[in-house]
Protein backbone atom coordinates (compact mmCIF):
# COMPACT_ATOMS: atom_id res chain seq x y z
CA MET A 1 -0.09 0.54 -0.34
CA LYS A 2 0.99 3.62 -0.85
CA PRO A 3 2.04 5.57 1.33
CA ILE A 4 -0.74 9.11 1.81
CA ALA A 5 1.67 11.71 1.03
CA VAL A 6 1.37 14.55 3.91
CA THR A 7 2.29 18.00 3.15
CA ILE A 8 3.03 20.27 6.40
CA LEU A 9 1.67 24.17 5.49
CA THR A 10 3.64 26.72 8.79
CA GLY A 11 4.13 30.96 9.42
CA PHE A 12 3.19 33.10 11.29
CA LEU A 13 0.33 34.24 12.21
CA GLY A 14 -1.94 36.63 9.72
CA ALA A 15 1.03 34.38 6.54
CA GLY A 16 -1.99 33.55 4.81
CA LYS A 17 -2.00 29.60 4.82
CA THR A 18 -5.73 29.41 4.65
CA THR A 19 -5.51 31.28 1.79
CA LEU A 20 -3.18 29.34 0.20
CA LEU A 21 -5.07 26.57 0.97
CA ARG A 22 -8.10 27.50 -0.20
CA HIS A 23 -5.65 27.57 -3.42
CA ILE A 24 -4.73 24.85 -3.39
CA LEU A 25 -7.77 22.34 -2.86
CA ASN A 26 -9.79 24.07 -5.26
CA GLU A 27 -6.93 24.17 -8.45
CA ASN A 28 -7.60 21.63 -10.11
CA HIS A 29 -4.82 18.83 -9.90
CA GLY A 30 -6.19 14.87 -9.66
CA TYR A 31 -5.40 15.09 -6.37
CA LYS A 32 -7.88 13.66 -3.24
CA ILE A 33 -6.77 15.34 -0.03
CA ALA A 34 -8.24 15.36 3.66
CA VAL A 35 -7.13 18.11 6.39
CA ILE A 36 -5.71 18.76 9.09
CA GLU A 37 -5.87 22.54 11.43
CA ASN A 38 -5.67 23.62 14.18
CA GLU A 39 -7.72 26.34 15.83
CA PHE A 40 -6.09 27.30 17.77
CA GLY A 41 -6.12 31.10 18.19
CA GLU A 42 -7.23 31.32 15.29
CA VAL A 43 -9.98 31.26 12.14
CA PRO A 44 -11.36 28.12 11.96
CA ILE A 45 -11.44 26.47 8.54
CA ASP A 46 -15.64 25.41 8.09
CA ASN A 47 -16.58 24.85 4.24
CA THR A 48 -17.26 28.81 3.99
CA LEU A 49 -13.58 29.85 3.89
CA ILE A 50 -12.76 26.82 1.29
CA GLY A 51 -15.53 25.08 -0.19
CA ASP A 52 -16.32 21.16 -0.69
CA ARG A 53 -13.22 20.26 -2.34
CA ALA A 54 -11.45 19.01 1.01
CA SER A 55 -12.66 14.56 1.64
CA ARG A 56 -11.96 15.35 5.00
CA ILE A 57 -11.54 18.25 7.73
CA THR A 58 -10.58 17.65 10.58
CA THR A 59 -10.08 20.83 13.49
CA LEU A 60 -7.93 20.21 16.58
CA SER A 61 -9.13 22.35 19.27
CA ASN A 62 -7.56 21.83 22.07
CA GLY A 63 -4.20 24.02 22.14
CA CYS A 64 -1.61 24.01 19.65
CA ILE A 65 -0.75 20.90 18.17
CA CYS A 66 2.75 21.31 19.00
CA CYS A 67 2.50 21.47 22.87
CA SER A 68 1.16 18.70 25.42
CA ARG A 69 -2.18 17.99 24.16
CA SER A 70 0.01 16.51 20.88
CA ASN A 71 -0.72 12.83 20.78
CA GLU A 72 -3.98 14.41 19.61
CA LEU A 73 -2.64 15.27 16.50
CA ALA A 74 -1.47 11.04 16.51
CA ASP A 75 -5.50 10.41 16.96
CA ALA A 76 -6.76 12.45 14.31
CA LEU A 77 -3.93 10.34 12.25
CA LEU A 78 -5.06 6.93 13.21
CA ASP A 79 -9.15 8.03 13.19
CA LEU A 80 -8.82 9.14 9.66
CA LEU A 81 -6.09 5.25 8.84
CA ASP A 82 -9.56 3.88 10.90
CA ALA A 83 -11.90 5.27 8.28
CA VAL A 84 -9.96 4.33 4.98
CA ASP A 85 -9.42 1.27 6.19
CA GLN A 86 -13.80 0.47 7.12
CA GLY A 87 -13.92 1.86 2.63
CA GLN A 88 -15.42 4.99 4.56
CA LEU A 89 -12.70 7.60 3.79
CA GLU A 90 -10.16 7.94 0.63
CA PHE A 91 -7.27 10.56 0.09
CA ASP A 92 -3.86 10.30 -1.12
CA ARG A 93 -2.67 13.37 0.03
CA LEU A 94 -2.33 15.23 3.30
CA ILE A 95 -2.68 18.83 4.18
CA ILE A 96 -1.50 19.90 8.11
CA GLU A 97 -2.81 23.73 8.97
CA CYS A 98 -0.24 24.75 11.62
CA THR A 99 -1.64 27.18 14.34
CA GLY A 100 0.54 30.06 13.36
CA MET A 101 2.36 29.72 16.76
CA ALA A 102 3.37 25.97 16.23
CA ASP A 103 6.29 24.11 16.27
CA PRO A 104 6.97 21.93 13.59
CA GLY A 105 9.16 19.73 15.65
CA PRO A 106 6.87 18.21 17.35
CA ILE A 107 4.85 17.73 14.88
CA ILE A 108 7.57 15.95 12.72
CA GLN A 109 8.43 14.21 15.19
CA THR A 110 5.11 12.09 15.35
CA PHE A 111 5.66 10.95 11.95
CA PHE A 112 8.87 9.22 12.72
CA SER A 113 7.66 7.56 16.35
CA HIS A 114 4.56 5.69 14.99
CA ALA A 115 4.32 2.61 14.36
CA ILE A 116 1.78 3.56 12.45
CA ILE A 117 1.58 5.64 10.84
CA CYS A 118 5.59 6.65 9.95
CA GLU A 119 4.13 3.37 8.03
CA ARG A 120 0.84 4.68 6.05
CA PHE A 121 2.14 7.67 5.63
CA LEU A 122 5.46 10.31 4.62
CA LEU A 123 6.49 13.58 5.79
CA ASP A 124 6.76 15.44 2.32
CA GLY A 125 7.17 18.15 3.40
CA ILE A 126 7.37 21.45 5.32
CA ILE A 127 5.44 25.27 3.45
CA THR A 128 6.82 28.18 5.30
CA LEU A 129 4.61 31.37 4.75
CA VAL A 130 6.29 34.59 6.16
CA ASP A 131 5.06 38.15 5.14
CA ALA A 132 6.69 40.27 3.32
CA VAL A 133 4.71 43.05 5.51
CA HIS A 134 5.32 42.45 8.93
CA ALA A 135 8.36 39.62 9.10
CA GLU A 136 11.52 41.54 10.61
CA GLN A 137 8.99 42.55 13.43
CA GLN A 138 7.86 39.34 13.50
CA LEU A 139 11.94 37.32 13.23
CA ASN A 140 12.98 40.12 15.33
CA GLN A 141 10.20 39.50 17.75
CA PHE A 142 9.45 35.67 18.27
CA THR A 143 11.73 32.33 17.85
CA ILE A 144 8.97 31.05 16.51
CA SER A 145 8.52 32.02 12.65
CA GLN A 146 13.12 32.28 12.64
CA ALA A 147 12.55 28.25 13.37
CA GLN A 148 8.99 28.01 10.90
CA VAL A 149 11.75 29.08 8.28
CA GLY A 150 14.44 27.05 9.99
CA TYR A 151 12.24 24.01 9.83
CA ALA A 152 11.44 24.80 5.68
CA ASP A 153 11.77 22.31 2.85
CA ARG A 154 9.97 26.07 0.66
CA ILE A 155 9.79 29.08 1.72
CA LEU A 156 7.08 31.08 0.49
CA LEU A 157 6.94 34.87 0.48
CA THR A 158 3.48 36.96 0.89
CA LYS A 159 1.86 40.20 0.40
CA THR A 160 5.47 40.39 -2.02
CA ASP A 161 2.20 43.10 -3.82
CA ILE A 162 2.33 45.14 -1.06
CA ALA A 163 5.73 45.03 0.01
CA PRO A 164 8.07 44.17 -3.46
CA ASP A 165 11.17 45.50 -1.76
CA ASN A 166 12.12 42.49 -0.71
CA ALA A 167 15.69 41.45 -0.73
CA THR A 168 17.66 42.58 2.65
CA LEU A 169 14.32 39.82 4.49
CA LEU A 170 15.91 37.57 1.02
CA HIS A 171 19.17 38.03 2.07
CA ARG A 172 18.32 37.57 5.50
CA LEU A 173 15.89 34.87 4.82
CA GLN A 174 18.58 32.67 2.90
CA LEU A 175 21.10 33.01 5.79
CA MET A 176 18.13 31.22 8.21
CA ASN A 177 17.86 28.03 5.76
CA ALA A 178 20.08 27.71 3.07
CA ARG A 179 18.61 24.57 1.47
CA ALA A 180 15.28 26.20 1.58
CA PRO A 181 13.88 27.60 -2.54
CA ILE A 182 12.16 30.62 -1.41
CA TYR A 183 9.12 31.79 -3.93
CA ASN A 184 6.87 34.85 -3.97
CA VAL A 185 2.98 33.61 -4.02
CA THR A 186 0.73 36.25 -3.79
CA HIS A 187 -2.90 35.05 -2.97
CA GLY A 188 -2.61 32.19 -3.36
CA ASP A 189 -1.96 31.81 -5.97
CA ILE A 190 1.12 29.58 -6.54
CA ASP A 191 2.60 26.52 -8.93
CA LEU A 192 1.49 23.17 -7.29
CA SER A 193 4.56 21.27 -8.56
CA LEU A 194 6.74 23.23 -6.23
CA LEU A 195 4.74 22.33 -3.51
CA PHE A 196 4.06 18.46 -4.05
CA ASP A 197 6.57 15.91 -4.45
CA ILE A 198 8.95 17.72 -2.44
CA GLU A 199 10.42 14.84 -1.06
CA GLY A 200 12.05 17.05 1.82
CA PHE A 201 11.91 13.83 4.20
CA VAL A 202 13.18 10.66 1.47
CA LEU A 203 17.25 10.28 1.83
CA ASN A 204 18.81 11.03 -1.25
CA ASP A 205 20.75 14.08 -2.38
CA ARG A 206 18.11 17.28 -3.21
CA LEU A 207 20.56 19.78 -0.81
CA ASN A 208 19.20 23.37 -3.05
CA ILE A 209 21.49 24.92 -1.81
CA THR A 210 21.20 28.93 -1.98
CA THR A 211 23.40 31.64 -1.33
CA PRO A 212 22.45 35.14 -0.10
CA PRO A 213 22.63 37.76 -2.81
CA SER A 214 25.41 40.65 -2.25
CA LEU A 215 23.36 43.82 -0.54
CA PHE A 216 24.92 46.55 -2.21
CA ARG A 217 24.06 48.85 0.34
CA ARG A 218 25.08 48.76 3.91
CA ILE A 219 23.11 47.54 6.21
CA PRO A 220 22.78 46.77 10.14
CA GLN A 221 22.23 42.89 9.36
CA PRO A 222 19.28 41.75 12.78
CA GLN A 223 20.50 38.68 14.85
CA ASN A 224 19.35 35.57 13.83
CA ASN A 225 18.61 32.57 16.28
CA ILE A 226 18.10 30.38 14.34
CA GLN A 227 20.91 31.06 11.04
CA SER A 228 22.33 27.76 8.67
CA ILE A 229 25.33 26.57 8.02
CA VAL A 230 27.24 24.27 5.12
CA VAL A 231 30.21 22.55 5.40
CA TYR A 232 32.59 21.48 2.23
CA HIS A 233 34.75 18.17 2.92
CA ILE A 234 37.63 18.60 0.16
CA PRO A 235 39.29 14.41 0.69
CA PRO A 236 37.57 10.86 1.33
CA LEU A 237 36.68 10.84 4.91
CA GLU A 238 37.14 7.78 7.10
CA LEU A 239 33.58 6.39 7.38
CA ILE A 240 34.26 5.55 11.70
CA GLN A 241 35.09 9.66 11.84
CA ILE A 242 32.45 10.82 10.51
CA SER A 243 30.46 8.78 12.72
CA GLU A 244 32.46 9.39 15.28
CA VAL A 245 31.37 13.24 14.67
CA MET A 246 28.63 13.24 13.68
CA GLU A 247 27.33 11.32 17.11
CA ASP A 248 29.22 14.01 19.21
CA LEU A 249 27.43 16.49 17.24
CA LEU A 250 23.97 15.04 18.12
CA LEU A 251 25.22 14.30 22.03
CA LYS A 252 25.89 18.00 22.80
CA PHE A 253 23.54 19.19 20.45
CA ALA A 254 20.51 17.86 19.19
CA ASP A 255 18.38 20.40 20.62
CA ASN A 256 20.34 23.05 18.95
CA LEU A 257 19.19 20.97 15.27
CA LEU A 258 16.16 21.93 13.41
CA ARG A 259 17.47 20.18 10.72
CA TYR A 260 20.60 18.82 8.69
CA LYS A 261 21.86 17.13 5.26
CA GLY A 262 24.76 15.76 3.37
CA ILE A 263 26.13 14.20 0.77
CA LEU A 264 29.89 12.88 2.70
CA SER A 265 32.17 11.44 0.52
CA ILE A 266 34.10 8.57 2.09
CA LYS A 267 37.50 6.99 1.50
CA ASP A 268 38.27 3.38 -0.34
CA GLU A 269 34.48 4.06 -0.83
CA PRO A 270 32.79 4.96 -4.83
CA ARG A 271 29.57 5.80 -3.94
CA ARG A 272 28.11 8.54 -2.04
CA LEU A 273 26.70 8.06 0.94
CA LEU A 274 23.49 10.11 2.23
CA PHE A 275 22.12 11.18 5.89
CA GLN A 276 19.69 13.28 6.86
CA GLY A 277 17.78 14.49 10.40
CA VAL A 278 15.39 16.18 12.57
CA GLN A 279 17.57 17.26 16.58
CA ARG A 280 18.19 13.19 17.27
CA LEU A 281 16.47 11.18 14.14
CA TYR A 282 18.28 10.92 11.66
CA ASN A 283 19.32 7.88 9.27
CA ALA A 284 21.89 7.01 6.05
CA ASP A 285 22.58 5.02 3.02
CA TRP A 286 24.43 3.97 0.00
CA ASP A 287 24.01 6.36 -2.74
CA ARG A 288 25.06 6.33 -6.60
CA GLU A 289 28.81 6.20 -8.10
CA TRP A 290 30.49 9.37 -8.01
CA LEU A 291 30.18 9.79 -11.83
CA PRO A 292 34.21 11.70 -13.34
CA ALA A 293 31.97 14.53 -14.09
CA ASP A 294 31.09 15.60 -10.73
CA LYS A 295 33.92 17.51 -8.09
CA ARG A 296 33.77 14.97 -5.00
CA LYS A 297 33.25 16.62 -2.30
CA SER A 298 31.53 16.43 1.08
CA THR A 299 29.01 19.00 1.28
CA MET A 300 26.76 19.46 4.36
CA VAL A 301 24.20 21.37 5.76
CA PHE A 302 23.19 22.26 9.49
CA ILE A 303 20.40 24.17 10.24
CA GLY A 304 19.30 25.19 14.24
CA ILE A 305 19.29 27.55 16.69
CA ASP A 306 21.93 29.18 18.41
CA LEU A 307 24.34 26.78 16.04
CA PRO A 308 28.07 26.15 17.59
CA GLU A 309 28.93 27.10 14.02
CA GLU A 310 33.15 27.19 15.35
CA GLU A 311 32.79 23.30 17.44
CA ILE A 312 30.96 22.29 14.47
CA ARG A 313 33.45 23.98 12.11
CA GLY A 314 36.30 22.74 14.08
CA ALA A 315 35.11 19.50 14.23
CA PHE A 316 35.95 18.77 10.12
CA THR A 317 38.69 20.81 9.88
CA ALA A 318 39.90 18.29 12.47
CA LEU A 319 39.65 15.32 9.92
CA GLY A 320 41.66 17.38 7.28
CA ASP A 321 41.05 19.63 5.12
CA THR A 322 37.96 21.76 4.50
CA PHE A 323 36.73 24.08 2.36
CA VAL A 324 33.83 25.63 4.82
CA HIS A 325 32.17 29.38 3.71
C-alpha cells in the first residue's frame, strides 16, 4: 500500500496559510486531499472558507498541536486511517495547517515516532509562509517565527504586492535556511508542482543550497537565533571518523539542530553516502557511485537554533583539509 503524502503548512499568524490552502483545494490537480487544521488562536477552517473540495476536515481544538497535547494529532491521524480502512473515506494526500504559533518540530516527530503512522504516512515537505509586510518585526520578536523558517523545505513569501522591496528580507531568510528555495506567492496563487512531491524527508541528494545575494548598501544585519551553516570537506572522509563526529555533535547539540543533510565522500568507497536528520532522528544510506564529472567532496548543511558554529566547523576541520563557507 502506497503511503499517504503529507504536507505541513506553517508560518506566523496572518501569513496567509488559509488562503494558500483554499487555492490548493480548488485547483484541478486530481488529488483527493484531507485536511487537519488547528483552530487555536486563528479562524477555524470550514466549508465557507475553503469550499467542499477536501475529503475530510479534521479540526483540532485542544490548543496548539505542537505542545503537550500533541497526542491529539496522532489520534486524528489514526482516525483518518480507520475511516480509510473501513471504506468510509478515500484520500491520497493530507495537508496539516498549523496554528501561527506552532513549532513544527514535535509535529514532524509524530510521523517518525509511531509505528502505524510511520508506515501509512510519508512526510513530503514543510511549507513555511512568510509575511513580507511584517516578517522583520516577527522574526525579531518571536524565535518561533525563525524556527518555522528553519524547518522549511519551501519558503513562500506572501504579500509581496504590498511590500515589493524584499532584498534585505531575502538575504536574511537565506542566511537562516540555506537549503529552502524561496518563491513569491500572491493571494495563494502558486504552481502546485512547487509544493507537492518535494521528498523533503526522503533520503536523497537534493540539497539545493542557496547563497544569499550580496547587498549593495550597508545595512545592519539583525541577529538571528536560527541560522544555517554549510560545510564542504574536500578529501574523502573515513567512515568511522564522520560517524564519531556526528554522534558527538548530536550528543551535545541535538536540541539545537532543526534539520541537517549531507552528501559525503567516503575513503575507498566509490558510492556517495547520504544522510539527513531532524533533531535526534537521523538516517544514512549509500547512493549511486561518484561520476567522473562530479566534483567529489563532502557537502553538509546544518540548520538550527544558536548553532555552535565554531565547534561544528572545528570538528570537520580536525578531519583534514576543509573548505567552508
